[in-house]
């Protein structure tokens, strides 16, 4: 089971990036999926998640700027990030929840390797 995150890079403040997380080895079409991030010297934090039902969850600091979506046909979860700020600089990780429900309190036993997002001021 592998989750491969991609799409990170360097962008100026106000710019956009779209992260993608592709699953291989098994399908996660009936699992909740989430994105987390970890900035240098800080703990990993929840960013966004999407339950199997389609319900979405966002942290307050990305609400209105980030959008999580999934393409079950491609076994892929996406994170569209707009209006990026220097404070969004971090390594972003995708994760699959244990069950169909996602959200900040769900259990995520499956993790990708992370993709670096750097936002310059």
C-alpha atoms as a PDB file:
ATOM      1  CA  UNK A   1       0.000   0.000   0.000  1.00  0.00           C
ATOM      2  CA  UNK A   2       1.508   3.293  -1.057  1.00  0.00           C
ATOM      3  CA  UNK A   3       0.363   6.886  -1.177  1.00  0.00           C
ATOM      4  CA  UNK A   4       2.382   9.146  -3.458  1.00  0.00           C
ATOM      5  CA  UNK A   5       2.008  12.894  -2.999  1.00  0.00           C
ATOM      6  CA  UNK A   6       3.123  15.301  -5.692  1.00  0.00           C
ATOM      7  CA  UNK A   7       2.572  18.838  -6.925  1.00  0.00           C
ATOM      8  CA  UNK A   8       4.551  20.779  -4.375  1.00  0.00           C
ATOM      9  CA  UNK A   9       6.963  23.511  -5.318  1.00  0.00           C
ATOM     10  CA  UNK A  10       7.960  27.129  -4.884  1.00  0.00           C
ATOM     11  CA  UNK A  11       5.320  29.797  -5.414  1.00  0.00           C
ATOM     12  CA  UNK A  12       4.961  33.457  -4.585  1.00  0.00           C
ATOM     13  CA  UNK A  13       2.474  34.651  -2.018  1.00  0.00           C
ATOM     14  CA  UNK A  14      -0.970  34.874  -3.553  1.00  0.00           C
ATOM     15  CA  UNK A  15      -0.235  32.069  -5.972  1.00  0.00           C
ATOM     16  CA  UNK A  16      -1.760  28.618  -6.317  1.00  0.00           C
ATOM     17  CA  UNK A  17      -0.673  25.011  -6.299  1.00  0.00           C
ATOM     18  CA  UNK A  18      -2.532  21.766  -6.683  1.00  0.00           C
ATOM     19  CA  UNK A  19      -1.343  18.761  -4.747  1.00  0.00           C
ATOM     20  CA  UNK A  20      -2.168  15.273  -5.852  1.00  0.00           C
ATOM     21  CA  UNK A  21      -2.039  12.024  -3.935  1.00  0.00           C
ATOM     22  CA  UNK A  22      -2.183   8.779  -5.852  1.00  0.00           C
ATOM     23  CA  UNK A  23      -2.776   5.457  -4.153  1.00  0.00           C
ATOM     24  CA  UNK A  24      -1.323   2.181  -5.315  1.00  0.00           C
ATOM     25  CA  UNK A  25      -1.479  -1.312  -3.983  1.00  0.00           C
ATOM     26  CA  UNK A  26      -5.130  -1.002  -3.005  1.00  0.00           C
ATOM     27  CA  UNK A  27      -8.080   1.237  -3.590  1.00  0.00           C
ATOM     28  CA  UNK A  28      -9.110   3.856  -1.065  1.00  0.00           C
ATOM     29  CA  UNK A  29     -12.410   4.675  -2.746  1.00  0.00           C
ATOM     30  CA  UNK A  30     -14.274   3.772   0.463  1.00  0.00           C
ATOM     31  CA  UNK A  31     -11.850   5.451   2.843  1.00  0.00           C
ATOM     32  CA  UNK A  32     -11.825   8.964   4.107  1.00  0.00           C
ATOM     33  CA  UNK A  33      -8.768  10.859   2.897  1.00  0.00           C
ATOM     34  CA  UNK A  34      -6.926  13.779   4.380  1.00  0.00           C
ATOM     35  CA  UNK A  35      -4.091  16.231   4.006  1.00  0.00           C
ATOM     36  CA  UNK A  36      -1.773  17.271   6.798  1.00  0.00           C
ATOM     37  CA  UNK A  37       1.282  19.498   6.898  1.00  0.00           C
ATOM     38  CA  UNK A  38       4.362  19.993   8.999  1.00  0.00           C
ATOM     39  CA  UNK A  39       6.418  23.164   9.039  1.00  0.00           C
ATOM     40  CA  UNK A  40      10.016  23.215  10.319  1.00  0.00           C
ATOM     41  CA  UNK A  41      10.095  23.117  14.089  1.00  0.00           C
ATOM     42  CA  UNK A  42       6.357  22.597  14.356  1.00  0.00           C
ATOM     43  CA  UNK A  43       4.111  19.630  14.923  1.00  0.00           C
ATOM     44  CA  UNK A  44       2.162  18.077  12.107  1.00  0.00           C
ATOM     45  CA  UNK A  45      -1.269  19.651  11.750  1.00  0.00           C
ATOM     46  CA  UNK A  46      -4.509  18.813  10.043  1.00  0.00           C
ATOM     47  CA  UNK A  47      -5.279  20.730   6.847  1.00  0.00           C
ATOM     48  CA  UNK A  48      -8.285  19.184   5.120  1.00  0.00           C
ATOM     49  CA  UNK A  49     -10.144  15.912   4.714  1.00  0.00           C
ATOM     50  CA  UNK A  50     -12.932  14.342   2.761  1.00  0.00           C
ATOM     51  CA  UNK A  51     -15.106  11.482   3.950  1.00  0.00           C
ATOM     52  CA  UNK A  52     -16.348   8.764   1.644  1.00  0.00           C
ATOM     53  CA  UNK A  53     -19.784  10.445   1.824  1.00  0.00           C
ATOM     54  CA  UNK A  54     -18.331  13.633   0.374  1.00  0.00           C
ATOM     55  CA  UNK A  55     -18.368  15.630   3.581  1.00  0.00           C
ATOM     56  CA  UNK A  56     -15.345  17.875   3.784  1.00  0.00           C
ATOM     57  CA  UNK A  57     -13.440  19.296   6.712  1.00  0.00           C
ATOM     58  CA  UNK A  58     -11.018  22.208   6.737  1.00  0.00           C
ATOM     59  CA  UNK A  59      -8.830  23.774   9.331  1.00  0.00           C
ATOM     60  CA  UNK A  60      -9.658  27.389  10.054  1.00  0.00           C
ATOM     61  CA  UNK A  61      -6.430  28.657   8.548  1.00  0.00           C
ATOM     62  CA  UNK A  62      -7.157  27.212   5.079  1.00  0.00           C
ATOM     63  CA  UNK A  63     -10.919  27.513   4.948  1.00  0.00           C
ATOM     64  CA  UNK A  64     -11.966  29.446   1.880  1.00  0.00           C
ATOM     65  CA  UNK A  65      -8.554  29.079   0.243  1.00  0.00           C
ATOM     66  CA  UNK A  66      -8.032  25.312  -0.077  1.00  0.00           C
ATOM     67  CA  UNK A  67     -10.354  22.752  -1.646  1.00  0.00           C
ATOM     68  CA  UNK A  68     -10.089  18.997  -1.241  1.00  0.00           C
ATOM     69  CA  UNK A  69     -11.543  16.668  -3.842  1.00  0.00           C
ATOM     70  CA  UNK A  70     -11.113  13.120  -5.032  1.00  0.00           C
ATOM     71  CA  UNK A  71     -11.169  11.194  -8.249  1.00  0.00           C
ATOM     72  CA  UNK A  72     -12.140   7.635  -7.393  1.00  0.00           C
ATOM     73  CA  UNK A  73     -11.610   6.453 -10.951  1.00  0.00           C
ATOM     74  CA  UNK A  74      -7.958   7.463 -10.634  1.00  0.00           C
ATOM     75  CA  UNK A  75      -7.691   6.548  -6.939  1.00  0.00           C
ATOM     76  CA  UNK A  76      -6.449  10.083  -6.346  1.00  0.00           C
ATOM     77  CA  UNK A  77      -7.079  12.803  -3.793  1.00  0.00           C
ATOM     78  CA  UNK A  78      -6.429  16.435  -4.692  1.00  0.00           C
ATOM     79  CA  UNK A  79      -5.798  19.606  -2.722  1.00  0.00           C
ATOM     80  CA  UNK A  80      -6.262  22.857  -4.610  1.00  0.00           C
ATOM     81  CA  UNK A  81      -4.463  25.627  -2.743  1.00  0.00           C
ATOM     82  CA  UNK A  82      -5.212  29.220  -3.654  1.00  0.00           C
ATOM     83  CA  UNK A  83      -4.146  32.541  -2.149  1.00  0.00           C
ATOM     84  CA  UNK A  84      -1.099  30.902  -0.652  1.00  0.00           C
ATOM     85  CA  UNK A  85       0.677  32.647   2.191  1.00  0.00           C
ATOM     86  CA  UNK A  86       4.239  32.273   3.503  1.00  0.00           C
ATOM     87  CA  UNK A  87       2.705  30.641   6.585  1.00  0.00           C
ATOM     88  CA  UNK A  88       1.542  27.784   4.349  1.00  0.00           C
ATOM     89  CA  UNK A  89       5.148  26.729   3.811  1.00  0.00           C
ATOM     90  CA  UNK A  90       5.461  23.127   4.974  1.00  0.00           C
ATOM     91  CA  UNK A  91       5.768  19.541   3.896  1.00  0.00           C
ATOM     92  CA  UNK A  92       2.307  18.350   2.949  1.00  0.00           C
ATOM     93  CA  UNK A  93       1.279  14.758   3.554  1.00  0.00           C
ATOM     94  CA  UNK A  94      -1.705  12.847   2.312  1.00  0.00           C
ATOM     95  CA  UNK A  95      -3.225  10.119   4.415  1.00  0.00           C
ATOM     96  CA  UNK A  96      -5.980   7.551   4.209  1.00  0.00           C
ATOM     97  CA  UNK A  97      -8.332   7.137   7.135  1.00  0.00           C
ATOM     98  CA  UNK A  98      -9.093   3.823   8.756  1.00  0.00           C
ATOM     99  CA  UNK A  99     -12.740   3.976   7.679  1.00  0.00           C
ATOM    100  CA  UNK A 100     -15.139   5.958   5.570  1.00  0.00           C
ATOM    101  CA  UNK A 101     -15.126   8.977   7.861  1.00  0.00           C
ATOM    102  CA  UNK A 102     -12.337  11.512   7.675  1.00  0.00           C
ATOM    103  CA  UNK A 103     -11.762  14.698   9.635  1.00  0.00           C
ATOM    104  CA  UNK A 104      -9.236  15.920  12.143  1.00  0.00           C
ATOM    105  CA  UNK A 105     -10.141  13.289  14.758  1.00  0.00           C
ATOM    106  CA  UNK A 106     -10.146  10.255  12.468  1.00  0.00           C
ATOM    107  CA  UNK A 107      -7.422   7.640  12.551  1.00  0.00           C
ATOM    108  CA  UNK A 108      -5.052   7.679   9.592  1.00  0.00           C
ATOM    109  CA  UNK A 109      -2.916   4.534   9.410  1.00  0.00           C
ATOM    110  CA  UNK A 110      -1.788   5.088   5.810  1.00  0.00           C
ATOM    111  CA  UNK A 111       0.575   7.943   4.942  1.00  0.00           C
ATOM    112  CA  UNK A 112       2.374   9.249   1.886  1.00  0.00           C
ATOM    113  CA  UNK A 113       5.924  10.520   1.861  1.00  0.00           C
ATOM    114  CA  UNK A 114       5.132  14.241   1.680  1.00  0.00           C
ATOM    115  CA  UNK A 115       5.682  17.003  -0.828  1.00  0.00           C
ATOM    116  CA  UNK A 116       7.351  20.325  -0.073  1.00  0.00           C
ATOM    117  CA  UNK A 117       5.403  23.537  -0.519  1.00  0.00           C
ATOM    118  CA  UNK A 118       7.331  26.786  -0.204  1.00  0.00           C
ATOM    119  CA  UNK A 119       5.614  30.159  -0.420  1.00  0.00           C
ATOM    120  CA  UNK A 120       7.827  33.202  -0.798  1.00  0.00           C
ATOM    121  CA  UNK A 121       6.792  36.652   0.350  1.00  0.00           C
END
